[in-house]
Amino acid sequence: VRVHCVGVNFRDVLKARGLYPHTRTFAQLDQDQPHVNRDTAPGSDFVGIILRACPTTKFQAGDHVVGISAHGVLHSHVVVDSSQVVCIPSECPLTDEQLSVMP
């Protein structure tokens, strides 16, 4: 996926400053939050365009998608599992910037 926008949240700020707790105990306190690896890039929410897709998925090159990844998405391109992205309908009135920061 060619990344267009990345949402930055407080967890990313803490991670970039080296202040994000890296313990499973902390992650278990909030089951909705993924266990974050300090060694990956910041960012977990993104919007982009699929450049290549496995033929066994429902996606194809050119699809406009929003997605998540616990491996850091603050890059120009990312490789993600098809279960981590959703196509954005063409009639969606929101910009890429707005979509990348939606909870």
C-alpha atoms as a PDB file:
ATOM      1  CA  VAL A   1       0.000   0.000   0.000  1.00  0.00           C
ATOM      2  CA  ARG A   2       1.287   3.479  -0.857  1.00  0.00           C
ATOM      3  CA  VAL A   3       0.564   5.476   2.292  1.00  0.00           C
ATOM      4  CA  HIS A   4      -1.119   8.862   1.833  1.00  0.00           C
ATOM      5  CA  CYS A   5      -1.899   9.809   5.451  1.00  0.00           C
ATOM      6  CA  VAL A   6      -1.059   8.477   8.893  1.00  0.00           C
ATOM      7  CA  GLY A   7      -3.033   9.285  12.022  1.00  0.00           C
ATOM      8  CA  VAL A   8      -0.865  10.294  14.971  1.00  0.00           C
ATOM      9  CA  ASN A   9      -2.277   9.697  18.432  1.00  0.00           C
ATOM     10  CA  PHE A  10      -0.933  10.147  21.931  1.00  0.00           C
ATOM     11  CA  ARG A  11       0.431   6.591  22.030  1.00  0.00           C
ATOM     12  CA  ASP A  12       2.601   7.449  19.007  1.00  0.00           C
ATOM     13  CA  VAL A  13       3.929  10.579  20.724  1.00  0.00           C
ATOM     14  CA  LEU A  14       4.852   8.558  23.811  1.00  0.00           C
ATOM     15  CA  LYS A  15       6.452   5.883  21.644  1.00  0.00           C
ATOM     16  CA  ALA A  16       8.522   8.425  19.679  1.00  0.00           C
ATOM     17  CA  ARG A  17       9.764   9.937  22.942  1.00  0.00           C
ATOM     18  CA  GLY A  18      10.643   6.511  24.366  1.00  0.00           C
ATOM     19  CA  LEU A  19       8.018   6.830  27.105  1.00  0.00           C
ATOM     20  CA  TYR A  20       5.503   4.186  26.010  1.00  0.00           C
ATOM     21  CA  PRO A  21       5.369   1.264  28.468  1.00  0.00           C
ATOM     22  CA  HIS A  22       6.483  -1.950  26.801  1.00  0.00           C
ATOM     23  CA  THR A  23       5.022  -4.552  29.102  1.00  0.00           C
ATOM     24  CA  ARG A  24       2.288  -7.096  28.511  1.00  0.00           C
ATOM     25  CA  THR A  25       0.802  -6.175  31.905  1.00  0.00           C
ATOM     26  CA  PHE A  26       0.229  -2.611  30.721  1.00  0.00           C
ATOM     27  CA  ALA A  27      -1.328  -3.817  27.453  1.00  0.00           C
ATOM     28  CA  GLN A  28      -3.688  -6.099  29.361  1.00  0.00           C
ATOM     29  CA  LEU A  29      -5.085  -3.103  31.239  1.00  0.00           C
ATOM     30  CA  ASP A  30      -6.661  -1.919  28.002  1.00  0.00           C
ATOM     31  CA  GLN A  31      -7.593  -4.889  25.829  1.00  0.00           C
ATOM     32  CA  ASP A  32      -8.557  -2.619  22.909  1.00  0.00           C
ATOM     33  CA  GLN A  33      -4.992  -1.361  22.534  1.00  0.00           C
ATOM     34  CA  PRO A  34      -2.411  -3.513  20.736  1.00  0.00           C
ATOM     35  CA  HIS A  35       0.859  -4.457  22.402  1.00  0.00           C
ATOM     36  CA  VAL A  36       3.259  -1.948  20.830  1.00  0.00           C
ATOM     37  CA  ASN A  37       6.813  -2.875  19.912  1.00  0.00           C
ATOM     38  CA  ARG A  38       9.216   0.010  20.576  1.00  0.00           C
ATOM     39  CA  ASP A  39      11.390  -1.078  17.662  1.00  0.00           C
ATOM     40  CA  THR A  40       8.782  -0.356  14.990  1.00  0.00           C
ATOM     41  CA  ALA A  41       7.888   2.987  13.439  1.00  0.00           C
ATOM     42  CA  PRO A  42       5.131   5.081  15.007  1.00  0.00           C
ATOM     43  CA  GLY A  43       1.634   5.146  13.572  1.00  0.00           C
ATOM     44  CA  SER A  44      -1.012   2.472  13.441  1.00  0.00           C
ATOM     45  CA  ASP A  45      -3.809   4.049  11.377  1.00  0.00           C
ATOM     46  CA  PHE A  46      -3.367   4.924   7.704  1.00  0.00           C
ATOM     47  CA  VAL A  47      -5.064   5.727   4.408  1.00  0.00           C
ATOM     48  CA  GLY A  48      -3.545   4.787   1.073  1.00  0.00           C
ATOM     49  CA  ILE A  49      -3.783   3.172  -2.334  1.00  0.00           C
ATOM     50  CA  ILE A  50      -3.152  -0.517  -2.930  1.00  0.00           C
ATOM     51  CA  LEU A  51      -0.303  -1.009  -5.383  1.00  0.00           C
ATOM     52  CA  ARG A  52      -0.323  -4.816  -5.431  1.00  0.00           C
ATOM     53  CA  ALA A  53      -2.641  -7.387  -3.924  1.00  0.00           C
ATOM     54  CA  CYS A  54      -2.646 -11.134  -3.622  1.00  0.00           C
ATOM     55  CA  PRO A  55      -5.038 -12.604  -6.211  1.00  0.00           C
ATOM     56  CA  THR A  56      -6.854 -14.527  -3.470  1.00  0.00           C
ATOM     57  CA  THR A  57      -8.068 -11.318  -1.776  1.00  0.00           C
ATOM     58  CA  LYS A  58     -10.971  -9.063  -2.682  1.00  0.00           C
ATOM     59  CA  PHE A  59      -8.586  -6.131  -3.251  1.00  0.00           C
ATOM     60  CA  GLN A  60      -6.898  -4.957  -6.420  1.00  0.00           C
ATOM     61  CA  ALA A  61      -4.337  -2.357  -7.416  1.00  0.00           C
ATOM     62  CA  GLY A  62      -5.809   1.131  -7.251  1.00  0.00           C
ATOM     63  CA  ASP A  63      -8.216   0.472  -4.383  1.00  0.00           C
ATOM     64  CA  HIS A  64      -8.443   3.381  -1.923  1.00  0.00           C
ATOM     65  CA  VAL A  65      -8.222   1.898   1.590  1.00  0.00           C
ATOM     66  CA  VAL A  66      -8.088   2.733   5.275  1.00  0.00           C
ATOM     67  CA  GLY A  67      -6.188   0.359   7.517  1.00  0.00           C
ATOM     68  CA  ILE A  68      -4.356  -0.443  10.718  1.00  0.00           C
ATOM     69  CA  SER A  69      -1.119  -2.169  11.609  1.00  0.00           C
ATOM     70  CA  ALA A  70       0.704  -2.725  14.899  1.00  0.00           C
ATOM     71  CA  HIS A  71       4.022  -2.769  13.017  1.00  0.00           C
ATOM     72  CA  GLY A  72       4.202   0.982  12.400  1.00  0.00           C
ATOM     73  CA  VAL A  73       2.884   2.729   9.302  1.00  0.00           C
ATOM     74  CA  LEU A  74       4.855   5.979   9.267  1.00  0.00           C
ATOM     75  CA  HIS A  75       6.448   4.987   5.954  1.00  0.00           C
ATOM     76  CA  SER A  76       5.863   5.769   2.288  1.00  0.00           C
ATOM     77  CA  HIS A  77       4.741   2.161   1.685  1.00  0.00           C
ATOM     78  CA  VAL A  78       3.557  -0.668   3.939  1.00  0.00           C
ATOM     79  CA  VAL A  79       2.786  -4.352   3.506  1.00  0.00           C
ATOM     80  CA  VAL A  80      -0.298  -5.419   5.461  1.00  0.00           C
ATOM     81  CA  ASP A  81      -2.589  -8.398   5.662  1.00  0.00           C
ATOM     82  CA  SER A  82      -5.849  -8.029   3.756  1.00  0.00           C
ATOM     83  CA  SER A  83      -7.737  -8.344   7.052  1.00  0.00           C
ATOM     84  CA  GLN A  84      -6.205  -5.035   8.165  1.00  0.00           C
ATOM     85  CA  VAL A  85      -7.636  -2.846   5.390  1.00  0.00           C
ATOM     86  CA  VAL A  86     -11.089  -1.792   4.243  1.00  0.00           C
ATOM     87  CA  CYS A  87     -12.015  -0.172   0.924  1.00  0.00           C
ATOM     88  CA  ILE A  88     -13.183   3.429   1.119  1.00  0.00           C
ATOM     89  CA  PRO A  89     -16.369   3.964  -0.896  1.00  0.00           C
ATOM     90  CA  SER A  90     -15.934   6.440  -3.772  1.00  0.00           C
ATOM     91  CA  GLU A  91     -18.861   8.483  -2.472  1.00  0.00           C
ATOM     92  CA  CYS A  92     -17.207   8.990   0.947  1.00  0.00           C
ATOM     93  CA  PRO A  93     -17.194  12.762   1.651  1.00  0.00           C
ATOM     94  CA  LEU A  94     -14.232  12.604   4.049  1.00  0.00           C
ATOM     95  CA  THR A  95     -10.664  13.477   3.049  1.00  0.00           C
ATOM     96  CA  ASP A  96      -7.739  11.108   3.530  1.00  0.00           C
ATOM     97  CA  GLU A  97      -6.620  13.271   6.444  1.00  0.00           C
ATOM     98  CA  GLN A  98      -9.997  12.962   8.152  1.00  0.00           C
ATOM     99  CA  LEU A  99     -10.208   9.221   7.545  1.00  0.00           C
ATOM    100  CA  SER A 100      -6.732   8.566   8.960  1.00  0.00           C
ATOM    101  CA  VAL A 101      -7.673   9.977  12.372  1.00  0.00           C
ATOM    102  CA  MET A 102     -11.055   8.311  12.819  1.00  0.00           C
ATOM    103  CA  PRO A 103     -11.231   6.050  15.888  1.00  0.00           C
END
